[in-house]
Amino acid sequence: AARVPGLEVTVYRIINHFFGESVTVAGLLTGKDVAEQLRGKDLGDELLFPRVMLRADGDLFLDDTTPAWLSEQLGVPATPAPGEAPELIRAILGIHQ
């Protein structure tokens, strides 16, 4: 496995309280569920979340909160990231194509 010096990635499980715990797809998570469950955690420099969590127009979660609102709640930039592995890895490494 390749290693990047200084890079630490933590994956958090978010429980869907908005639609119910049996709903386990990222596209049905809300900004408030994310904020409530990650508030107070050490999130490092940035929170990357799957882009599919945003509506089709790309600027709102299903509960009408925004990535900017989520950033304010958590104290770190909240950035939508692609769901496909190669694009996600580029986003984590800060490589923009």
N, C-alpha and C. Protein backbone atom coordinates (compact mmCIF):
# COMPACT_ATOMS: atom_id res chain seq x y z
N ALA A 1 0.84 -1.19 0.00
CA ALA A 1 0.00 0.00 0.00
C ALA A 1 0.89 1.25 0.00
N ALA A 2 0.52 2.19 -0.82
CA ALA A 2 1.26 3.45 -0.88
C ALA A 2 0.94 4.30 0.35
N ARG A 3 1.90 5.05 0.79
CA ARG A 3 1.71 5.94 1.94
C ARG A 3 2.08 7.35 1.53
N VAL A 4 1.34 8.29 2.08
CA VAL A 4 1.62 9.70 1.85
C VAL A 4 2.01 10.29 3.20
N PRO A 5 3.24 10.77 3.33
CA PRO A 5 3.68 11.33 4.61
C PRO A 5 2.76 12.45 5.07
N GLY A 6 2.35 12.40 6.32
CA GLY A 6 1.52 13.46 6.89
C GLY A 6 0.04 13.35 6.59
N LEU A 7 -0.35 12.37 5.80
CA LEU A 7 -1.77 12.24 5.45
C LEU A 7 -2.43 11.23 6.37
N GLU A 8 -3.52 11.66 6.99
CA GLU A 8 -4.32 10.77 7.81
C GLU A 8 -5.77 10.92 7.38
N VAL A 9 -6.41 9.82 7.08
CA VAL A 9 -7.81 9.82 6.64
C VAL A 9 -8.62 9.01 7.64
N THR A 10 -9.72 9.59 8.10
CA THR A 10 -10.63 8.90 9.01
C THR A 10 -11.99 8.83 8.33
N VAL A 11 -12.60 7.66 8.34
CA VAL A 11 -13.93 7.48 7.77
C VAL A 11 -14.91 7.34 8.92
N TYR A 12 -15.97 8.15 8.89
CA TYR A 12 -16.99 8.11 9.93
C TYR A 12 -18.29 7.53 9.38
N ARG A 13 -18.93 6.71 10.17
CA ARG A 13 -20.25 6.18 9.82
C ARG A 13 -21.28 7.18 10.33
N ILE A 14 -22.20 7.58 9.45
CA ILE A 14 -23.27 8.50 9.83
C ILE A 14 -24.58 7.73 9.82
N ILE A 15 -25.30 7.78 10.92
CA ILE A 15 -26.61 7.12 11.01
C ILE A 15 -27.66 8.08 10.48
N ASN A 16 -28.54 7.58 9.63
CA ASN A 16 -29.58 8.40 9.02
C ASN A 16 -30.78 8.51 9.96
N HIS A 17 -30.82 9.60 10.73
CA HIS A 17 -31.95 9.83 11.62
C HIS A 17 -33.12 10.46 10.87
N PHE A 18 -32.83 11.16 9.78
CA PHE A 18 -33.87 11.87 9.02
C PHE A 18 -34.85 10.88 8.39
N PHE A 19 -34.35 9.86 7.71
CA PHE A 19 -35.20 8.87 7.05
C PHE A 19 -35.31 7.57 7.83
N GLY A 20 -34.46 7.38 8.83
CA GLY A 20 -34.48 6.16 9.63
C GLY A 20 -33.19 5.38 9.49
N GLU A 21 -32.83 4.67 10.55
CA GLU A 21 -31.55 3.97 10.60
C GLU A 21 -31.42 2.86 9.57
N SER A 22 -32.54 2.38 9.04
CA SER A 22 -32.46 1.30 8.04
C SER A 22 -32.05 1.83 6.67
N VAL A 23 -32.08 3.15 6.49
CA VAL A 23 -31.68 3.77 5.22
C VAL A 23 -30.18 3.99 5.29
N THR A 24 -29.44 3.31 4.40
CA THR A 24 -27.98 3.31 4.51
C THR A 24 -27.26 3.79 3.26
N VAL A 25 -27.92 4.59 2.43
CA VAL A 25 -27.26 5.10 1.22
C VAL A 25 -26.83 6.55 1.46
N ALA A 26 -25.66 6.90 1.00
CA ALA A 26 -25.11 8.24 1.21
C ALA A 26 -25.99 9.32 0.60
N GLY A 27 -26.65 9.02 -0.52
CA GLY A 27 -27.46 10.01 -1.20
C GLY A 27 -28.69 10.44 -0.43
N LEU A 28 -29.01 9.76 0.67
CA LEU A 28 -30.17 10.13 1.48
C LEU A 28 -29.78 10.65 2.87
N LEU A 29 -28.52 11.01 3.05
CA LEU A 29 -28.09 11.62 4.31
C LEU A 29 -28.32 13.13 4.25
N THR A 30 -28.52 13.73 5.40
CA THR A 30 -28.75 15.18 5.46
C THR A 30 -27.58 15.89 6.13
N GLY A 31 -27.50 17.17 5.86
CA GLY A 31 -26.46 17.98 6.49
C GLY A 31 -26.58 18.00 8.00
N LYS A 32 -27.82 18.05 8.51
CA LYS A 32 -28.02 18.09 9.96
C LYS A 32 -27.58 16.79 10.62
N ASP A 33 -27.86 15.65 9.99
CA ASP A 33 -27.39 14.38 10.56
C ASP A 33 -25.86 14.36 10.63
N VAL A 34 -25.21 14.83 9.58
CA VAL A 34 -23.74 14.87 9.56
C VAL A 34 -23.23 15.80 10.65
N ALA A 35 -23.80 17.00 10.73
CA ALA A 35 -23.34 17.99 11.72
C ALA A 35 -23.52 17.46 13.14
N GLU A 36 -24.69 16.89 13.43
CA GLU A 36 -24.96 16.41 14.79
C GLU A 36 -24.00 15.30 15.19
N GLN A 37 -23.66 14.43 14.26
CA GLN A 37 -22.84 13.26 14.60
C GLN A 37 -21.34 13.52 14.54
N LEU A 38 -20.93 14.57 13.84
CA LEU A 38 -19.49 14.86 13.75
C LEU A 38 -19.06 16.03 14.62
N ARG A 39 -20.03 16.79 15.15
CA ARG A 39 -19.71 17.94 16.00
C ARG A 39 -18.86 17.48 17.18
N GLY A 40 -17.76 18.18 17.41
CA GLY A 40 -16.88 17.87 18.53
C GLY A 40 -15.79 16.85 18.21
N LYS A 41 -15.84 16.25 17.03
CA LYS A 41 -14.80 15.29 16.64
C LYS A 41 -13.64 16.04 15.99
N ASP A 42 -12.46 15.47 16.10
CA ASP A 42 -11.29 16.05 15.43
C ASP A 42 -11.37 15.68 13.96
N LEU A 43 -11.74 16.64 13.13
CA LEU A 43 -11.93 16.39 11.70
C LEU A 43 -10.72 16.78 10.87
N GLY A 44 -9.66 17.20 11.51
CA GLY A 44 -8.47 17.56 10.75
C GLY A 44 -8.65 18.86 10.00
N ASP A 45 -8.12 18.91 8.79
CA ASP A 45 -8.11 20.14 8.00
C ASP A 45 -9.33 20.32 7.12
N GLU A 46 -10.04 19.22 6.83
CA GLU A 46 -11.14 19.31 5.87
C GLU A 46 -12.03 18.09 6.01
N LEU A 47 -13.33 18.29 5.77
CA LEU A 47 -14.28 17.18 5.71
C LEU A 47 -14.65 16.95 4.26
N LEU A 48 -14.31 15.79 3.75
CA LEU A 48 -14.75 15.40 2.41
C LEU A 48 -15.97 14.51 2.58
N PHE A 49 -17.01 14.78 1.81
CA PHE A 49 -18.21 13.95 1.85
C PHE A 49 -18.62 13.61 0.43
N PRO A 50 -19.33 12.50 0.23
CA PRO A 50 -19.71 12.10 -1.13
C PRO A 50 -20.62 13.13 -1.79
N ARG A 51 -20.29 13.51 -3.00
CA ARG A 51 -21.06 14.48 -3.76
C ARG A 51 -22.53 14.07 -3.89
N VAL A 52 -22.80 12.76 -3.89
CA VAL A 52 -24.18 12.28 -4.04
C VAL A 52 -25.06 12.68 -2.86
N MET A 53 -24.47 13.20 -1.78
CA MET A 53 -25.27 13.67 -0.66
C MET A 53 -25.98 14.98 -0.99
N LEU A 54 -25.56 15.65 -2.05
CA LEU A 54 -26.18 16.91 -2.46
C LEU A 54 -27.23 16.65 -3.53
N ARG A 55 -28.22 17.53 -3.59
CA ARG A 55 -29.25 17.43 -4.63
C ARG A 55 -28.61 17.56 -6.01
N ALA A 56 -29.38 17.27 -7.03
CA ALA A 56 -28.86 17.25 -8.41
C ALA A 56 -28.20 18.57 -8.80
N ASP A 57 -28.72 19.70 -8.33
CA ASP A 57 -28.11 20.99 -8.69
C ASP A 57 -26.82 21.23 -7.92
N GLY A 58 -26.52 20.38 -6.93
CA GLY A 58 -25.21 20.37 -6.30
C GLY A 58 -24.95 21.37 -5.20
N ASP A 59 -25.98 22.06 -4.68
CA ASP A 59 -25.69 23.06 -3.66
C ASP A 59 -26.43 22.87 -2.34
N LEU A 60 -27.34 21.90 -2.26
CA LEU A 60 -28.11 21.69 -1.04
C LEU A 60 -28.18 20.21 -0.67
N PHE A 61 -28.16 19.96 0.64
CA PHE A 61 -28.48 18.63 1.13
C PHE A 61 -30.01 18.48 1.09
N LEU A 62 -30.51 17.29 1.33
CA LEU A 62 -31.96 17.04 1.28
C LEU A 62 -32.74 17.83 2.31
N ASP A 63 -32.09 18.28 3.38
CA ASP A 63 -32.77 19.07 4.41
C ASP A 63 -32.57 20.57 4.20
N ASP A 64 -32.17 20.96 2.99
CA ASP A 64 -31.97 22.36 2.60
C ASP A 64 -30.80 23.05 3.29
N THR A 65 -29.94 22.30 3.96
CA THR A 65 -28.70 22.89 4.48
C THR A 65 -27.67 22.87 3.35
N THR A 66 -26.61 23.64 3.52
CA THR A 66 -25.59 23.77 2.48
C THR A 66 -24.23 23.29 3.00
N PRO A 67 -23.30 23.01 2.09
CA PRO A 67 -21.94 22.71 2.54
C PRO A 67 -21.34 23.85 3.36
N ALA A 68 -21.67 25.10 3.02
CA ALA A 68 -21.17 26.24 3.79
C ALA A 68 -21.70 26.20 5.22
N TRP A 69 -22.98 25.87 5.38
CA TRP A 69 -23.57 25.74 6.71
C TRP A 69 -22.87 24.63 7.49
N LEU A 70 -22.64 23.49 6.83
CA LEU A 70 -21.96 22.37 7.48
C LEU A 70 -20.56 22.78 7.92
N SER A 71 -19.86 23.54 7.08
CA SER A 71 -18.52 24.04 7.43
C SER A 71 -18.58 24.89 8.69
N GLU A 72 -19.57 25.78 8.76
CA GLU A 72 -19.73 26.64 9.94
C GLU A 72 -19.99 25.81 11.19
N GLN A 73 -20.82 24.80 11.06
CA GLN A 73 -21.17 23.95 12.20
C GLN A 73 -19.97 23.16 12.73
N LEU A 74 -19.12 22.72 11.82
CA LEU A 74 -18.03 21.82 12.19
C LEU A 74 -16.67 22.50 12.32
N GLY A 75 -16.55 23.72 11.82
CA GLY A 75 -15.30 24.46 11.95
C GLY A 75 -14.20 24.06 10.98
N VAL A 76 -14.55 23.32 9.94
CA VAL A 76 -13.60 22.95 8.88
C VAL A 76 -14.31 23.06 7.54
N PRO A 77 -13.57 23.27 6.45
CA PRO A 77 -14.21 23.26 5.14
C PRO A 77 -14.90 21.91 4.90
N ALA A 78 -16.12 21.95 4.39
CA ALA A 78 -16.86 20.74 4.02
C ALA A 78 -16.95 20.71 2.51
N THR A 79 -16.29 19.75 1.90
CA THR A 79 -16.11 19.71 0.46
C THR A 79 -16.72 18.46 -0.15
N PRO A 80 -17.62 18.64 -1.14
CA PRO A 80 -18.14 17.45 -1.82
C PRO A 80 -17.05 16.79 -2.64
N ALA A 81 -16.98 15.48 -2.56
CA ALA A 81 -15.96 14.71 -3.28
C ALA A 81 -16.65 13.68 -4.17
N PRO A 82 -16.02 13.32 -5.28
CA PRO A 82 -16.60 12.31 -6.14
C PRO A 82 -16.68 10.96 -5.42
N GLY A 83 -17.62 10.15 -5.85
CA GLY A 83 -17.81 8.86 -5.23
C GLY A 83 -16.95 7.75 -5.80
N GLU A 84 -16.40 7.96 -6.98
CA GLU A 84 -15.56 6.94 -7.61
C GLU A 84 -14.16 6.98 -7.00
N ALA A 85 -13.58 5.82 -6.74
CA ALA A 85 -12.31 5.73 -6.01
C ALA A 85 -11.19 6.58 -6.60
N PRO A 86 -10.90 6.53 -7.91
CA PRO A 86 -9.77 7.34 -8.41
C PRO A 86 -9.98 8.84 -8.18
N GLU A 87 -11.20 9.32 -8.39
CA GLU A 87 -11.47 10.74 -8.20
C GLU A 87 -11.40 11.11 -6.71
N LEU A 88 -11.88 10.20 -5.86
CA LEU A 88 -11.81 10.45 -4.42
C LEU A 88 -10.37 10.53 -3.95
N ILE A 89 -9.53 9.65 -4.43
CA ILE A 89 -8.11 9.68 -4.06
C ILE A 89 -7.47 10.98 -4.50
N ARG A 90 -7.78 11.44 -5.72
CA ARG A 90 -7.25 12.73 -6.18
C ARG A 90 -7.73 13.87 -5.28
N ALA A 91 -9.00 13.82 -4.86
CA ALA A 91 -9.53 14.87 -3.98
C ALA A 91 -8.81 14.86 -2.64
N ILE A 92 -8.58 13.68 -2.08
CA ILE A 92 -7.88 13.57 -0.80
C ILE A 92 -6.46 14.13 -0.92
N LEU A 93 -5.80 13.85 -2.02
CA LEU A 93 -4.42 14.31 -2.22
C LEU A 93 -4.33 15.74 -2.70
N GLY A 94 -5.49 16.36 -3.02
CA GLY A 94 -5.50 17.74 -3.49
C GLY A 94 -5.05 17.89 -4.93
N ILE A 95 -5.20 16.83 -5.71
CA ILE A 95 -4.83 16.86 -7.13
C ILE A 95 -6.07 17.22 -7.94
N HIS A 96 -6.02 18.34 -8.63
CA HIS A 96 -7.17 18.80 -9.41
C HIS A 96 -6.86 18.65 -10.89
N GLN A 97 -7.77 18.02 -11.61
CA GLN A 97 -7.55 17.83 -13.05
C GLN A 97 -8.56 18.61 -13.84
